[in-house]
N, C-alpha and C. Protein backbone atom coordinates (compact mmCIF):
# COMPACT_ATOMS: atom_id res chain seq x y z
N MET A 1 62.70 42.14 84.70
CA MET A 1 64.40 41.91 84.75
C MET A 1 64.12 40.63 84.41
N PRO A 2 63.91 39.27 85.56
CA PRO A 2 63.82 38.18 85.82
C PRO A 2 63.61 38.13 84.54
N ARG A 3 62.02 37.79 84.04
CA ARG A 3 61.78 37.66 82.74
C ARG A 3 63.08 37.47 82.45
N ARG A 4 63.79 38.43 81.56
CA ARG A 4 65.01 37.74 80.39
C ARG A 4 66.49 37.62 80.98
N LEU A 5 66.98 37.54 82.74
CA LEU A 5 67.53 36.84 83.24
C LEU A 5 66.95 35.03 82.41
N VAL A 6 65.99 34.19 82.78
CA VAL A 6 65.08 33.84 82.80
C VAL A 6 65.74 33.25 81.02
N VAL A 7 64.98 33.99 80.28
CA VAL A 7 65.60 33.94 78.34
C VAL A 7 66.60 33.47 77.92
N LEU A 8 67.51 34.99 78.78
CA LEU A 8 69.25 34.18 78.93
C LEU A 8 69.69 32.71 79.18
N ALA A 9 68.57 32.76 79.52
CA ALA A 9 69.41 30.85 80.65
C ALA A 9 69.26 30.18 79.87
N VAL A 10 67.78 30.23 79.38
CA VAL A 10 67.39 29.25 78.43
C VAL A 10 67.69 29.42 77.15
N ALA A 11 68.06 30.15 76.41
CA ALA A 11 69.47 29.98 75.18
C ALA A 11 70.28 29.87 75.58
N VAL A 12 71.27 29.45 76.43
CA VAL A 12 72.68 29.12 76.96
C VAL A 12 71.95 27.84 77.40
N ALA A 13 71.06 27.05 78.00
CA ALA A 13 70.73 25.81 77.73
C ALA A 13 70.47 24.98 76.48
N ALA A 14 70.06 25.91 75.21
CA ALA A 14 70.44 25.56 74.09
C ALA A 14 71.38 25.07 73.35
N HIS A 15 72.04 26.46 73.44
CA HIS A 15 73.57 26.53 73.24
C HIS A 15 73.44 26.01 73.40
N ALA A 16 74.25 25.61 74.43
CA ALA A 16 75.31 24.45 74.08
C ALA A 16 74.88 23.02 74.33
N VAL A 17 73.03 22.70 74.27
CA VAL A 17 72.89 21.68 73.81
C VAL A 17 72.42 21.77 72.58
N LEU A 18 73.02 22.62 71.73
CA LEU A 18 72.62 23.08 70.64
C LEU A 18 74.61 21.77 70.40
N ALA A 19 75.19 22.32 70.61
CA ALA A 19 76.87 22.47 70.82
C ALA A 19 77.32 20.96 70.66
N GLN A 20 76.71 20.76 71.53
CA GLN A 20 76.78 19.26 71.68
C GLN A 20 76.29 17.84 70.86
N LEU A 21 74.97 18.29 70.04
CA LEU A 21 73.87 17.24 69.49
C LEU A 21 75.42 18.16 68.26
N LEU A 22 76.51 18.83 68.19
CA LEU A 22 76.60 19.31 66.99
C LEU A 22 78.20 18.46 66.46
N TYR A 23 78.72 18.10 68.19
CA TYR A 23 80.09 17.63 68.39
C TYR A 23 79.81 16.24 67.99
N ALA A 24 78.58 15.42 68.46
CA ALA A 24 78.34 14.25 68.75
C ALA A 24 77.28 14.27 67.31
N GLY A 25 77.16 14.72 66.18
CA GLY A 25 76.45 14.07 64.92
C GLY A 25 75.62 13.93 64.15
N TRP A 26 74.57 14.12 65.73
CA TRP A 26 73.24 13.75 65.60
C TRP A 26 72.03 14.38 66.17
N LEU A 27 71.32 14.45 65.47
CA LEU A 27 70.03 15.01 64.62
C LEU A 27 70.10 16.22 63.76
N VAL A 28 71.55 16.55 63.26
CA VAL A 28 72.80 17.36 62.41
C VAL A 28 73.54 17.07 62.30
N ASP A 29 72.88 17.58 60.66
CA ASP A 29 73.54 17.39 58.79
C ASP A 29 75.00 18.63 58.20
N VAL A 30 75.26 18.23 58.31
CA VAL A 30 76.67 19.35 57.96
C VAL A 30 78.14 18.86 57.49
N PRO A 31 78.01 19.47 56.10
CA PRO A 31 78.61 19.23 55.13
C PRO A 31 79.80 19.27 55.81
N GLY A 32 81.22 18.85 55.63
CA GLY A 32 81.79 18.55 56.07
C GLY A 32 83.26 17.48 56.13
N PRO A 33 84.36 17.51 56.87
CA PRO A 33 84.87 16.93 57.36
C PRO A 33 84.44 16.79 58.90
N ALA A 34 84.41 15.83 59.76
CA ALA A 34 83.81 15.42 60.99
C ALA A 34 84.74 15.91 62.32
N ALA A 35 86.26 16.55 61.73
CA ALA A 35 87.08 17.34 62.84
C ALA A 35 86.74 18.71 62.89
N ASP A 36 86.24 18.91 61.09
CA ASP A 36 85.80 20.62 61.54
C ASP A 36 84.60 21.10 62.20
N ARG A 37 83.57 20.00 61.80
CA ARG A 37 82.33 19.68 62.53
C ARG A 37 83.69 20.13 64.74
N MET A 38 83.95 18.52 64.11
CA MET A 38 83.72 19.24 65.69
C MET A 38 84.27 20.26 66.42
N ALA A 39 84.95 20.82 65.66
CA ALA A 39 86.48 21.45 66.06
C ALA A 39 85.70 22.69 66.48
N GLY A 40 84.39 23.20 65.07
CA GLY A 40 83.63 24.50 65.58
C GLY A 40 82.83 24.39 66.01
N ALA A 41 81.91 22.78 66.78
CA ALA A 41 81.07 23.19 67.47
C ALA A 41 81.80 22.86 68.86
N GLN A 42 83.37 22.11 69.22
CA GLN A 42 84.07 22.86 70.64
C GLN A 42 84.05 24.80 70.76
N LEU A 43 83.99 24.86 69.72
CA LEU A 43 83.74 27.17 69.39
C LEU A 43 82.82 27.38 69.69
N MET A 44 82.42 26.91 69.42
CA MET A 44 80.85 26.89 69.71
C MET A 44 79.59 27.24 71.66
N TYR A 45 80.72 25.58 71.38
CA TYR A 45 80.58 25.64 73.22
C TYR A 45 81.87 26.51 73.82
N TRP A 46 82.24 26.71 74.60
CA TRP A 46 84.00 27.77 74.78
C TRP A 46 83.31 28.93 74.62
N PHE A 47 83.28 28.70 73.61
CA PHE A 47 83.52 30.42 72.93
C PHE A 47 81.74 31.51 73.58
N GLY A 48 80.55 31.18 73.45
CA GLY A 48 79.71 31.06 73.36
C GLY A 48 78.84 31.53 74.71
N ASP A 49 79.46 30.30 75.75
CA ASP A 49 79.60 30.47 77.08
C ASP A 49 80.16 32.23 77.41
N LEU A 50 81.96 32.89 76.99
CA LEU A 50 81.73 34.12 76.64
C LEU A 50 80.75 35.22 77.00
N ALA A 51 80.42 34.52 75.24
CA ALA A 51 79.67 35.24 74.61
C ALA A 51 77.63 35.88 75.64
N GLU A 52 77.87 34.20 76.23
CA GLU A 52 76.35 34.69 77.11
C GLU A 52 76.68 35.36 78.58
N VAL A 53 77.93 35.15 79.41
CA VAL A 53 78.17 36.19 80.53
C VAL A 53 77.99 37.28 80.42
N ALA A 54 79.22 38.22 78.60
CA ALA A 54 78.62 39.46 78.11
C ALA A 54 77.32 39.88 78.35
N LEU A 55 76.94 38.77 77.81
CA LEU A 55 75.17 39.04 78.05
C LEU A 55 74.33 39.30 79.69
N ALA A 56 74.70 38.54 79.60
CA ALA A 56 74.59 38.05 81.45
C ALA A 56 74.88 39.28 82.13
N LEU A 57 75.72 40.54 81.22
CA LEU A 57 76.11 40.99 82.56
C LEU A 57 75.67 42.65 82.16
N ALA A 58 76.02 42.37 80.86
CA ALA A 58 74.47 43.79 80.26
C ALA A 58 72.87 43.46 80.97
N VAL A 59 72.54 42.35 81.20
CA VAL A 59 71.39 43.20 81.16
C VAL A 59 70.71 43.25 82.98
N LEU A 60 72.68 42.73 82.89
CA LEU A 60 71.93 43.13 85.55
C LEU A 60 72.46 44.21 85.31
N SER A 61 74.05 44.70 84.45
CA SER A 61 74.14 45.91 84.79
C SER A 61 73.05 46.82 84.19
N ARG A 62 71.70 46.37 84.06
CA ARG A 62 70.26 48.32 83.41
C ARG A 62 69.56 47.63 84.60
N TRP A 63 70.03 46.37 85.58
CA TRP A 63 69.34 46.31 86.68
C TRP A 63 68.73 47.24 88.01
N ARG A 64 68.23 47.78 87.65
CA ARG A 64 67.69 49.06 88.85
C ARG A 64 66.21 48.43 89.40
N PRO A 65 67.21 47.61 90.22
CA PRO A 65 65.24 47.33 91.48
C PRO A 65 64.46 48.32 91.98
N ASP A 66 63.27 48.31 92.02
CA ASP A 66 63.13 49.06 92.78
C ASP A 66 63.42 50.14 94.77
N PRO A 67 64.41 50.87 94.78
CA PRO A 67 63.79 51.32 95.33
C PRO A 67 62.82 51.53 96.61
N ARG A 68 63.66 50.35 98.48
CA ARG A 68 62.13 49.84 99.25
C ARG A 68 61.51 51.85 100.30
N PRO A 69 60.73 51.35 99.85
CA PRO A 69 59.91 53.26 100.18
C PRO A 69 60.09 52.75 101.89
N ALA A 70 60.44 54.01 102.99
CA ALA A 70 60.75 54.14 103.76
C ALA A 70 59.85 53.83 105.44
N PRO A 71 60.37 53.46 106.19
CA PRO A 71 59.36 52.79 107.29
C PRO A 71 58.79 53.74 107.49
N VAL A 72 57.44 53.95 107.81
CA VAL A 72 56.50 54.69 108.43
C VAL A 72 56.65 55.05 110.30
N ALA A 73 57.39 56.19 111.11
CA ALA A 73 56.97 56.05 112.09
C ALA A 73 55.78 55.85 112.56
N ALA A 74 55.78 55.41 113.48
CA ALA A 74 54.20 55.64 114.61
C ALA A 74 53.92 56.28 115.53
C-alpha cells in the first residue's frame, strides 16, 4: 500500500508540473487561443487536485494494516 501512495504522489507532482507548463505555454504546443489554454490549465491544476485527493482517500480506505501480534506472557 505505501508503494501505491508513492506512485500516486509522483503522479500528483507530474500532473501539477504539466498543468503549470501548459499554463505558461512552455514545452507544449496546443493550438488555439492562449486564454483557452490557460483556462484549461487552471481547470487541470485545481480540479485535478480534487480528483487526486479522492484517489488518495480511495487507496487509504482499502488499507488494512496487519494486526500486531499479541504480546507473549513470560
